[in-house]
Structures are given as structure tokens and as C-alpha cells.
């Protein structure tokens, strides 16, 4: 079961980064291997935002779509994601945002298991590399939008 954490320090307000993570429609523009995204529901319920969305991930002939339940807790500045259906037995990832002055520390923890045992073994071997590529892509996008303007 691949499980890992990454952290990044980004020179911008945490609200900018939270909005970037919640902007699932734009993931294919900057996240490696993200081919498509579709938001089915987005509900703002006071202290929380609830999103149901699909992501299609792949490269070459290998691609698959999974549906996720995304929950943003405004009080704790935390985004929690679980899978609903797709190629995953389960998915849990958590985004945390802590701002000090004009620098925000973003931590991203992920734990998942693919239904396909063979692919799960392959993913375990390259998981940290892929997770760092995703974190780097979010950081670059944030810097392009909020820091280097």
C-alpha cells in the first residue's frame, strides 16, 4: 500500500493554495498524467465545501478514471479526499495549510491501494517519485499564479 507525505513552502496566502487545490477543473492543465477532470457536484455548506469529481489519470495506453469525495473543512484549513469508485480499493489523502507571515506550508499525505495487485506493486516502487512530481506541479502552478506576477 503506497503511503507518503510531502511538504512545500510557498510564498502566498493559504487561501490562494486552498482555492488552487479545490480548482479540480483545471488539474489537466498542470498536473502530470492528469488527462481529464469533471466536477459533478460542488456544495458550500457554511464551514465546509463538498465536491464530487472524477479524475482521469494515465499515460499512453494506460489510463483510468476514479471518482472522489473531496471535503474542505474551512475551520481547520484541511482538505480530505476519499475515493468513491474506480481502480482504487481505497484512497485517503489530506491537504493541510499553515500560513506564517506570507509563507504557507502545504503538507500532502496520501495513502491508497489499487484493485489491480500487479499495478499496486509497480506503483509502490515509483510512488514517491510520482507524488513529488505532483507536489512540484502544484508548487509551480502556485508560483506562476501568485508569486511570479
C-alpha atoms as a PDB file:
ATOM      1  CA  UNK A   1       0.000   0.000   0.000  1.00  0.00           C
ATOM      2  CA  UNK A   2       1.716   3.205  -1.124  1.00  0.00           C
ATOM      3  CA  UNK A   3       1.756   5.813   1.593  1.00  0.00           C
ATOM      4  CA  UNK A   4       3.773   9.035   1.722  1.00  0.00           C
ATOM      5  CA  UNK A   5       3.864  12.678   2.708  1.00  0.00           C
ATOM      6  CA  UNK A   6       5.325  15.757   1.079  1.00  0.00           C
ATOM      7  CA  UNK A   7       5.652  19.342   2.262  1.00  0.00           C
ATOM      8  CA  UNK A   8       6.241  22.555   0.394  1.00  0.00           C
ATOM      9  CA  UNK A   9       6.742  26.159   1.492  1.00  0.00           C
ATOM     10  CA  UNK A  10       5.114  28.608  -0.909  1.00  0.00           C
ATOM     11  CA  UNK A  11       5.208  32.374  -0.705  1.00  0.00           C
ATOM     12  CA  UNK A  12       1.496  33.165  -0.856  1.00  0.00           C
ATOM     13  CA  UNK A  13      -1.585  33.257   1.356  1.00  0.00           C
ATOM     14  CA  UNK A  14      -3.104  29.910   2.263  1.00  0.00           C
ATOM     15  CA  UNK A  15      -6.460  30.884   0.695  1.00  0.00           C
ATOM     16  CA  UNK A  16      -4.759  31.016  -2.722  1.00  0.00           C
ATOM     17  CA  UNK A  17      -3.402  27.491  -2.274  1.00  0.00           C
ATOM     18  CA  UNK A  18      -6.663  26.099  -0.936  1.00  0.00           C
ATOM     19  CA  UNK A  19      -8.504  27.524  -3.947  1.00  0.00           C
ATOM     20  CA  UNK A  20      -5.863  26.027  -6.252  1.00  0.00           C
ATOM     21  CA  UNK A  21      -6.356  22.539  -4.775  1.00  0.00           C
ATOM     22  CA  UNK A  22     -10.152  22.896  -4.955  1.00  0.00           C
ATOM     23  CA  UNK A  23      -9.978  24.031  -8.614  1.00  0.00           C
ATOM     24  CA  UNK A  24     -10.234  20.459  -9.893  1.00  0.00           C
ATOM     25  CA  UNK A  25     -11.469  21.569 -13.331  1.00  0.00           C
ATOM     26  CA  UNK A  26      -8.009  22.942 -14.110  1.00  0.00           C
ATOM     27  CA  UNK A  27      -5.935  19.924 -12.981  1.00  0.00           C
ATOM     28  CA  UNK A  28      -5.335  18.669 -16.552  1.00  0.00           C
ATOM     29  CA  UNK A  29      -3.586  21.979 -17.335  1.00  0.00           C
ATOM     30  CA  UNK A  30      -0.764  21.411 -14.858  1.00  0.00           C
ATOM     31  CA  UNK A  31      -0.774  18.018 -13.110  1.00  0.00           C
ATOM     32  CA  UNK A  32       1.373  15.347 -14.732  1.00  0.00           C
ATOM     33  CA  UNK A  33      -0.577  12.364 -16.064  1.00  0.00           C
ATOM     34  CA  UNK A  34      -3.944  14.043 -15.386  1.00  0.00           C
ATOM     35  CA  UNK A  35      -5.764  13.690 -18.701  1.00  0.00           C
ATOM     36  CA  UNK A  36      -9.221  14.915 -17.705  1.00  0.00           C
ATOM     37  CA  UNK A  37     -11.334  16.070 -14.779  1.00  0.00           C
ATOM     38  CA  UNK A  38     -15.029  16.540 -14.192  1.00  0.00           C
ATOM     39  CA  UNK A  39     -16.791  18.090 -11.211  1.00  0.00           C
ATOM     40  CA  UNK A  40     -20.278  16.642 -10.675  1.00  0.00           C
ATOM     41  CA  UNK A  41     -21.235  18.480  -7.505  1.00  0.00           C
ATOM     42  CA  UNK A  42     -19.887  21.404  -5.520  1.00  0.00           C
ATOM     43  CA  UNK A  43     -21.774  22.458  -2.382  1.00  0.00           C
ATOM     44  CA  UNK A  44     -20.731  25.198   0.005  1.00  0.00           C
ATOM     45  CA  UNK A  45     -22.292  24.366   3.391  1.00  0.00           C
ATOM     46  CA  UNK A  46     -21.058  27.147   5.673  1.00  0.00           C
ATOM     47  CA  UNK A  47     -17.970  25.699   7.338  1.00  0.00           C
ATOM     48  CA  UNK A  48     -17.384  23.079   4.630  1.00  0.00           C
ATOM     49  CA  UNK A  49     -17.248  22.639   0.882  1.00  0.00           C
ATOM     50  CA  UNK A  50     -18.197  19.260  -0.584  1.00  0.00           C
ATOM     51  CA  UNK A  51     -17.113  18.228  -4.085  1.00  0.00           C
ATOM     52  CA  UNK A  52     -17.735  15.044  -6.073  1.00  0.00           C
ATOM     53  CA  UNK A  53     -15.351  14.779  -9.032  1.00  0.00           C
ATOM     54  CA  UNK A  54     -13.705  12.422 -11.493  1.00  0.00           C
ATOM     55  CA  UNK A  55     -10.032  12.439 -12.424  1.00  0.00           C
ATOM     56  CA  UNK A  56      -8.714  10.521 -15.397  1.00  0.00           C
ATOM     57  CA  UNK A  57      -5.069   9.630 -14.882  1.00  0.00           C
ATOM     58  CA  UNK A  58      -2.809   7.885 -17.335  1.00  0.00           C
ATOM     59  CA  UNK A  59      -0.031   7.806 -19.842  1.00  0.00           C
ATOM     60  CA  UNK A  60      -0.082   6.263 -23.289  1.00  0.00           C
ATOM     61  CA  UNK A  61      -2.489   3.336 -23.461  1.00  0.00           C
ATOM     62  CA  UNK A  62      -2.771   3.143 -19.664  1.00  0.00           C
ATOM     63  CA  UNK A  63      -5.499   5.347 -18.252  1.00  0.00           C
ATOM     64  CA  UNK A  64      -8.264   5.062 -15.713  1.00  0.00           C
ATOM     65  CA  UNK A  65     -10.862   7.271 -14.083  1.00  0.00           C
ATOM     66  CA  UNK A  66     -11.682   7.404 -10.413  1.00  0.00           C
ATOM     67  CA  UNK A  67     -14.421   9.294  -8.608  1.00  0.00           C
ATOM     68  CA  UNK A  68     -13.566  11.149  -5.414  1.00  0.00           C
ATOM     69  CA  UNK A  69     -15.329  12.743  -2.484  1.00  0.00           C
ATOM     70  CA  UNK A  70     -13.498  15.986  -1.614  1.00  0.00           C
ATOM     71  CA  UNK A  71     -14.265  17.773   1.651  1.00  0.00           C
ATOM     72  CA  UNK A  72     -12.801  21.120   2.638  1.00  0.00           C
ATOM     73  CA  UNK A  73     -13.031  21.989   6.344  1.00  0.00           C
ATOM     74  CA  UNK A  74     -12.818  25.801   6.463  1.00  0.00           C
ATOM     75  CA  UNK A  75     -12.259  25.915  10.247  1.00  0.00           C
ATOM     76  CA  UNK A  76      -9.154  23.705  10.127  1.00  0.00           C
ATOM     77  CA  UNK A  77      -7.916  24.586   6.620  1.00  0.00           C
ATOM     78  CA  UNK A  78      -7.892  20.898   5.712  1.00  0.00           C
ATOM     79  CA  UNK A  79      -8.945  19.151   2.514  1.00  0.00           C
ATOM     80  CA  UNK A  80      -9.730  15.442   2.860  1.00  0.00           C
ATOM     81  CA  UNK A  81     -10.189  13.204  -0.196  1.00  0.00           C
ATOM     82  CA  UNK A  82     -11.533   9.647  -0.399  1.00  0.00           C
ATOM     83  CA  UNK A  83     -12.412   7.506  -3.398  1.00  0.00           C
ATOM     84  CA  UNK A  84     -15.969   6.594  -4.320  1.00  0.00           C
ATOM     85  CA  UNK A  85     -15.326   4.271  -7.261  1.00  0.00           C
ATOM     86  CA  UNK A  86     -12.723   3.411  -9.850  1.00  0.00           C
ATOM     87  CA  UNK A  87      -9.462   1.443  -9.896  1.00  0.00           C
ATOM     88  CA  UNK A  88      -8.750   2.017  -6.197  1.00  0.00           C
ATOM     89  CA  UNK A  89      -9.610  -0.216  -3.266  1.00  0.00           C
ATOM     90  CA  UNK A  90      -9.278   2.920  -1.230  1.00  0.00           C
ATOM     91  CA  UNK A  91      -7.790   6.388  -1.293  1.00  0.00           C
ATOM     92  CA  UNK A  92      -7.200   8.769   1.572  1.00  0.00           C
ATOM     93  CA  UNK A  93      -5.350  11.999   1.130  1.00  0.00           C
ATOM     94  CA  UNK A  94      -5.195  15.055   3.286  1.00  0.00           C
ATOM     95  CA  UNK A  95      -4.021  18.560   2.479  1.00  0.00           C
ATOM     96  CA  UNK A  96      -3.075  20.862   5.375  1.00  0.00           C
ATOM     97  CA  UNK A  97      -2.282  24.569   5.032  1.00  0.00           C
ATOM     98  CA  UNK A  98      -0.440  26.598   7.687  1.00  0.00           C
ATOM     99  CA  UNK A  99       0.423  30.220   6.989  1.00  0.00           C
ATOM    100  CA  UNK A 100       3.119  32.211   8.806  1.00  0.00           C
ATOM    101  CA  UNK A 101       3.518  35.756   7.567  1.00  0.00           C
ATOM    102  CA  UNK A 102       3.297  35.450   3.762  1.00  0.00           C
ATOM    103  CA  UNK A 103       4.616  31.881   3.555  1.00  0.00           C
ATOM    104  CA  UNK A 104       2.287  28.894   3.599  1.00  0.00           C
ATOM    105  CA  UNK A 105       3.402  25.394   4.451  1.00  0.00           C
ATOM    106  CA  UNK A 106       1.405  22.860   2.469  1.00  0.00           C
ATOM    107  CA  UNK A 107       1.525  19.237   3.561  1.00  0.00           C
ATOM    108  CA  UNK A 108       0.035  16.483   1.456  1.00  0.00           C
ATOM    109  CA  UNK A 109      -0.404  12.997   2.914  1.00  0.00           C
ATOM    110  CA  UNK A 110      -1.646  10.180   0.714  1.00  0.00           C
ATOM    111  CA  UNK A 111      -2.452   6.527   1.273  1.00  0.00           C
ATOM    112  CA  UNK A 112      -4.044   4.325  -1.376  1.00  0.00           C
ATOM    113  CA  UNK A 113      -4.316   0.843  -2.798  1.00  0.00           C
ATOM    114  CA  UNK A 114      -5.145  -0.152  -6.367  1.00  0.00           C
ATOM    115  CA  UNK A 115      -7.519  -3.031  -7.019  1.00  0.00           C
ATOM    116  CA  UNK A 116      -5.016  -4.495  -9.506  1.00  0.00           C
ATOM    117  CA  UNK A 117      -2.341  -6.156  -7.311  1.00  0.00           C
ATOM    118  CA  UNK A 118       0.315  -6.128 -10.071  1.00  0.00           C
ATOM    119  CA  UNK A 119      -0.149  -2.402 -10.736  1.00  0.00           C
ATOM    120  CA  UNK A 120      -0.156  -1.793  -6.987  1.00  0.00           C
ATOM    121  CA  UNK A 121       3.330  -3.346  -6.737  1.00  0.00           C
ATOM    122  CA  UNK A 122       4.562  -1.203  -9.648  1.00  0.00           C
ATOM    123  CA  UNK A 123       3.057   1.954  -8.120  1.00  0.00           C
ATOM    124  CA  UNK A 124       4.711   1.275  -4.777  1.00  0.00           C
ATOM    125  CA  UNK A 125       8.129   1.329  -6.442  1.00  0.00           C
ATOM    126  CA  UNK A 126       7.616   4.680  -8.187  1.00  0.00           C
ATOM    127  CA  UNK A 127       5.168   6.265  -5.769  1.00  0.00           C
ATOM    128  CA  UNK A 128       7.455   8.811  -4.065  1.00  0.00           C
ATOM    129  CA  UNK A 129       8.723   9.992  -7.443  1.00  0.00           C
ATOM    130  CA  UNK A 130       5.165  10.497  -8.724  1.00  0.00           C
ATOM    131  CA  UNK A 131       3.993  12.194  -5.548  1.00  0.00           C
ATOM    132  CA  UNK A 132       6.904  14.636  -5.696  1.00  0.00           C
ATOM    133  CA  UNK A 133       6.095  15.398  -9.350  1.00  0.00           C
ATOM    134  CA  UNK A 134       2.508  16.225  -8.356  1.00  0.00           C
ATOM    135  CA  UNK A 135       3.646  18.397  -5.430  1.00  0.00           C
ATOM    136  CA  UNK A 136       6.152  20.144  -7.709  1.00  0.00           C
ATOM    137  CA  UNK A 137       3.378  20.793 -10.253  1.00  0.00           C
ATOM    138  CA  UNK A 138       1.128  22.378  -7.601  1.00  0.00           C
ATOM    139  CA  UNK A 139       4.022  24.490  -6.335  1.00  0.00           C
ATOM    140  CA  UNK A 140       4.972  25.675  -9.838  1.00  0.00           C
ATOM    141  CA  UNK A 141       1.340  26.492 -10.654  1.00  0.00           C
ATOM    142  CA  UNK A 142       1.001  28.457  -7.391  1.00  0.00           C
ATOM    143  CA  UNK A 143       4.219  30.346  -8.056  1.00  0.00           C
ATOM    144  CA  UNK A 144       3.122  31.138 -11.637  1.00  0.00           C
ATOM    145  CA  UNK A 145      -0.292  32.387 -10.466  1.00  0.00           C
ATOM    146  CA  UNK A 146       0.501  34.091  -7.161  1.00  0.00           C
ATOM    147  CA  UNK A 147       4.228  34.661  -6.673  1.00  0.00           C
ATOM    148  CA  UNK A 148       5.752  35.490 -10.051  1.00  0.00           C
ATOM    149  CA  UNK A 149       3.098  38.006 -11.089  1.00  0.00           C
END
